[in-house]
Protein backbone atom coordinates (compact mmCIF):
# COMPACT_ATOMS: atom_id res chain seq x y z
CA LEU A 1 -7.54 25.65 16.43
CA SER A 2 -8.42 22.97 18.92
CA LEU A 3 -8.05 19.26 18.18
CA VAL A 4 -11.83 18.85 17.79
CA GLN A 5 -12.02 21.71 15.30
CA MET A 6 -9.16 20.25 13.25
CA LEU A 7 -10.79 16.81 13.23
CA ILE A 8 -14.11 18.28 12.12
CA GLY A 9 -12.37 20.31 9.43
CA SER A 10 -10.68 17.21 8.04
CA LEU A 11 -13.91 15.18 7.72
CA PRO A 12 -14.38 16.04 4.01
CA HIS A 13 -11.25 13.98 3.31
CA ILE A 14 -13.46 10.92 3.78
CA PHE A 15 -14.97 11.57 0.36
CA LEU A 16 -11.47 11.56 -1.18
CA VAL A 17 -10.31 8.39 0.55
CA LEU A 18 -13.51 6.32 0.34
CA PRO A 19 -13.50 5.53 -3.42
CA MET A 20 -9.82 4.52 -3.33
CA SER A 21 -10.32 2.35 -0.25
CA LEU A 22 -13.32 0.61 -1.77
CA SER A 23 -11.52 -0.07 -5.05
CA GLY A 24 -8.56 -1.44 -3.10
CA SER A 25 -10.80 -3.77 -1.11
CA LEU A 26 -12.03 -5.31 -4.37
CA LEU A 27 -8.50 -6.46 -5.27
CA ILE A 28 -8.88 -9.51 -3.01
CA PRO A 29 -9.67 -12.74 -4.86
CA GLN A 30 -13.34 -13.08 -5.83
CA ALA A 31 -15.33 -15.74 -7.58
CA SER A 32 -15.22 -15.56 -11.36
CA GLY A 33 -18.02 -13.42 -12.76
CA SER A 34 -18.68 -11.68 -9.44
CA SER A 35 -19.84 -8.07 -9.33
CA SER A 36 -16.43 -6.96 -8.03
CA GLU A 37 -14.94 -7.47 -11.50
CA THR A 38 -17.32 -4.78 -12.79
CA LEU A 39 -17.16 -2.46 -9.80
CA ARG A 40 -13.37 -2.45 -9.54
CA PRO A 41 -12.58 -0.42 -12.71
CA LEU A 42 -15.58 1.84 -12.05
CA LEU A 43 -14.39 2.67 -8.53
CA LEU A 44 -10.79 3.16 -9.70
CA THR A 45 -12.03 5.61 -12.33
CA LEU A 46 -14.24 7.36 -9.80
CA SER A 47 -11.40 7.69 -7.29
CA PHE A 48 -9.14 9.16 -10.00
CA LEU A 49 -11.79 11.71 -10.99
CA VAL A 50 -12.48 12.65 -7.36
CA GLN A 51 -8.77 13.17 -6.65
CA LEU A 52 -8.35 15.21 -9.84
CA LEU A 53 -11.38 17.36 -9.02
CA ALA A 54 -10.11 17.97 -5.48
CA ILE A 55 -6.72 19.11 -6.79
CA LEU A 56 -8.34 21.49 -9.30
CA ILE A 57 -10.66 22.95 -6.66
CA ALA A 58 -7.78 23.46 -4.22
CA PHE A 59 -5.70 25.11 -6.94
CA HIS A 60 -8.59 27.37 -7.95
CA TYR A 61 -9.26 28.68 -4.46
CA THR A 62 -5.56 29.08 -3.67
CA VAL A 63 -5.05 31.25 -6.75
CA LYS A 64 -8.30 33.14 -6.10
CA TYR A 65 -7.31 34.01 -2.54
CA THR A 66 -3.83 35.05 -3.66
CA VAL A 67 -5.27 37.41 -6.29
CA ASP A 68 -8.11 38.81 -4.16
CA HIS A 69 -5.85 39.50 -1.16
CA ALA A 70 -2.63 40.38 -2.99
CA ASP A 71 -2.21 43.75 -1.23
CA GLU A 72 -2.82 42.23 2.18
CA LEU A 73 -0.31 39.45 1.54
CA ARG A 74 2.34 41.90 0.31
CA SER A 75 1.89 44.11 3.37
CA MET A 76 2.47 41.25 5.83
CA GLU A 77 5.66 41.42 7.86
CA PRO A 78 8.16 38.64 7.11
CA ASP A 79 7.97 35.82 9.61
CA GLN A 80 11.23 35.71 11.57
CA ASP A 81 11.00 31.98 12.17
CA VAL A 82 10.54 31.37 8.44
CA GLU A 83 13.48 33.63 7.59
CA LEU A 84 15.60 31.87 10.19
CA TYR A 85 14.64 28.48 8.78
CA ASP A 86 15.43 29.64 5.24
CA GLU A 87 18.84 30.81 6.42
CA GLU A 88 19.45 27.47 8.08
CA LYS A 89 18.43 25.59 4.94
CA LYS A 90 20.72 27.76 2.85
CA LEU A 91 23.65 27.04 5.16
CA TYR A 92 22.81 23.34 5.21
CA GLN A 93 22.76 23.15 1.40
CA GLN A 94 26.03 25.03 1.25
CA ALA A 95 27.59 22.60 3.72
CA LYS A 96 26.16 19.64 1.84
CA ILE A 97 27.65 20.78 -1.47
CA GLU A 98 30.96 21.83 0.04
CA MET A 99 31.62 18.75 2.16
CA THR A 100 30.36 16.06 -0.24
CA SER A 101 31.71 17.35 -3.54
CA TRP A 102 33.61 14.77 -5.57
CA ARG A 103 36.97 16.50 -5.12
CA ARG A 104 36.60 16.42 -1.32
CA LEU A 105 35.53 12.80 -1.04
CA PRO A 106 38.13 10.34 0.27
CA LYS A 107 39.30 7.82 -2.32
CA ARG A 108 37.47 4.94 -0.64
CA TYR A 109 34.13 6.73 -1.01
CA ARG A 110 34.80 7.57 -4.65
CA ILE A 111 35.42 3.91 -5.35
CA GLY A 112 32.37 3.04 -3.26
CA HIS A 113 30.20 5.41 -5.30
CA ILE A 114 31.32 3.81 -8.56
CA PHE A 115 30.70 0.27 -7.33
CA ALA A 116 27.33 1.20 -5.80
CA VAL A 117 26.15 2.70 -9.10
CA ILE A 118 27.29 -0.39 -11.00
CA LEU A 119 25.53 -2.71 -8.54
CA MET A 120 22.33 -0.64 -8.73
CA ILE A 121 22.33 -0.66 -12.54
CA VAL A 122 23.06 -4.39 -12.82
CA SER A 123 20.47 -5.42 -10.22
CA ASN A 124 17.71 -3.14 -11.50
CA LEU A 125 18.26 -4.14 -15.14
CA SER A 126 18.12 -7.77 -14.03
CA PHE A 127 14.83 -7.17 -12.21
CA ILE A 128 13.39 -5.58 -15.36
CA LEU A 129 14.85 -7.74 -18.13
CA LEU A 130 15.30 -11.03 -16.27
CA GLY A 131 12.40 -10.77 -13.84
CA ASP A 132 11.07 -14.22 -14.76
CA PHE A 133 14.40 -15.73 -13.68
CA CYS A 134 14.53 -13.73 -10.43
CA PHE A 135 10.97 -13.97 -9.10
CA GLU A 136 8.00 -16.29 -9.28
CA ASP A 137 4.89 -15.12 -11.11
CA PHE A 138 2.79 -13.80 -8.23
CA SER A 139 0.13 -11.10 -7.94
CA VAL A 140 -1.86 -9.54 -5.12
CA GLU A 141 -4.79 -11.80 -5.97
CA ASP A 142 -2.76 -15.01 -5.60
CA SER A 143 -2.58 -17.10 -2.45
CA ILE A 144 0.72 -17.42 -0.60
CA GLY A 145 -0.34 -20.82 0.68
CA GLU A 146 -1.13 -22.21 -2.76
CA LYS A 147 1.51 -20.62 -5.02
CA LEU A 148 4.38 -20.20 -2.54
CA ASP A 149 3.82 -23.20 -0.26
CA GLY A 150 3.06 -20.85 2.64
CA ASN A 151 6.46 -19.16 2.57
CA VAL A 152 6.54 -15.63 1.20
CA PHE A 153 10.29 -15.88 0.51
CA ASN A 154 9.62 -18.57 -2.09
CA VAL A 155 8.72 -15.74 -4.45
CA ILE A 156 12.49 -15.30 -4.94
CA LYS A 157 13.99 -17.71 -7.47
CA ARG A 158 17.38 -19.24 -6.81
CA PRO A 159 20.14 -18.55 -7.53
CA LEU A 160 19.72 -15.46 -9.74
CA GLY A 161 17.06 -13.82 -7.58
CA ILE A 162 19.17 -14.20 -4.45
CA ILE A 163 22.28 -12.88 -6.22
CA MET A 164 20.57 -9.79 -7.65
CA LEU A 165 18.86 -8.95 -4.35
CA SER A 166 22.21 -9.31 -2.59
CA LEU A 167 23.81 -6.86 -5.04
CA PHE A 168 20.96 -4.42 -4.57
CA SER A 169 21.16 -4.75 -0.78
CA ALA A 170 24.93 -4.15 -0.86
CA ALA A 171 24.42 -0.92 -2.82
CA CYS A 172 21.71 0.25 -0.41
CA THR A 173 23.92 -0.56 2.56
CA TYR A 174 26.71 1.55 1.10
CA VAL A 175 24.29 4.45 0.56
CA GLY A 176 23.30 4.23 4.23
CA LEU A 177 26.93 4.19 5.38
CA PHE A 178 27.77 7.14 3.16
CA GLY A 179 24.79 9.00 4.59
CA ARG A 180 26.28 8.67 8.07
CA PHE A 181 29.65 9.91 6.78
CA ARG A 182 27.95 12.87 5.07
CA LYS A 183 26.09 13.87 8.24
CA LYS A 184 29.34 13.77 10.18
CA LYS A 185 31.10 16.01 7.65
CA ILE A 186 28.20 18.47 7.52
CA ARG A 187 28.13 18.66 11.31
CA MET A 188 31.83 19.49 11.31
CA TYR A 189 31.25 22.22 8.73
CA LEU A 190 28.40 23.73 10.74
CA GLN A 191 30.44 23.68 13.93
CA ARG A 192 33.13 25.74 12.20
CA SER A 193 30.58 28.18 10.82
CA SER A 194 29.99 31.49 12.59
CA PHE A 195 26.29 30.99 11.94
CA VAL A 196 26.11 28.14 14.44
CA GLY A 197 26.49 29.45 17.96
CA GLN A 198 24.60 32.64 17.25
CA ILE A 199 21.31 30.76 16.98
CA GLU A 200 19.96 27.36 17.90
CA SER A 201 19.82 25.66 14.52
CA ARG A 202 17.10 23.05 14.14
CA ILE A 203 18.83 21.56 11.14
CA PHE A 204 22.04 21.24 13.15
CA GLN A 205 20.16 19.44 15.93
CA ASN A 206 18.67 16.91 13.46
CA LEU A 207 22.04 15.81 12.12
């Protein structure tokens, strides 16, 4: 299909997006008693119903086509690119499990995992149970200039908010560093595999 044909074919999505966009636009502060207070829940309900109806229609026609053309679908030749990709995914998952299993992890990463989990649990429980001590009471309808003195970072209360965010950031940083280590180990596994070298693996290239 050409670009124009694809754009024309996607035009019906406007009817799915429009109710949600309109309901979102009514979240901005309005005068008390304005019509937006009435329209907002109506549009949110309408957008939910439209999305639900679209999912049901898509599901109906997908199943209908699958049933009506079952013989045709079964007689189709397997797509070589799809089979190749499935084989690559299988190898990638195998490498991921093999090279990042707990018994293969260096001691420093085992300790890092334990501390990262502890930091995540402590920070998230603090956000949930001690949220009033970590953050200012602020909603999307409030004004940054009036409630936060024009500085968005004033939404964080000191010192507990800063401490908990620092713990959460430390855990996220470790996850990112471990992700780099994992990619390196998987790449090494793939390089040793006989599978790599016979084909040009897209998964291998993305590591």
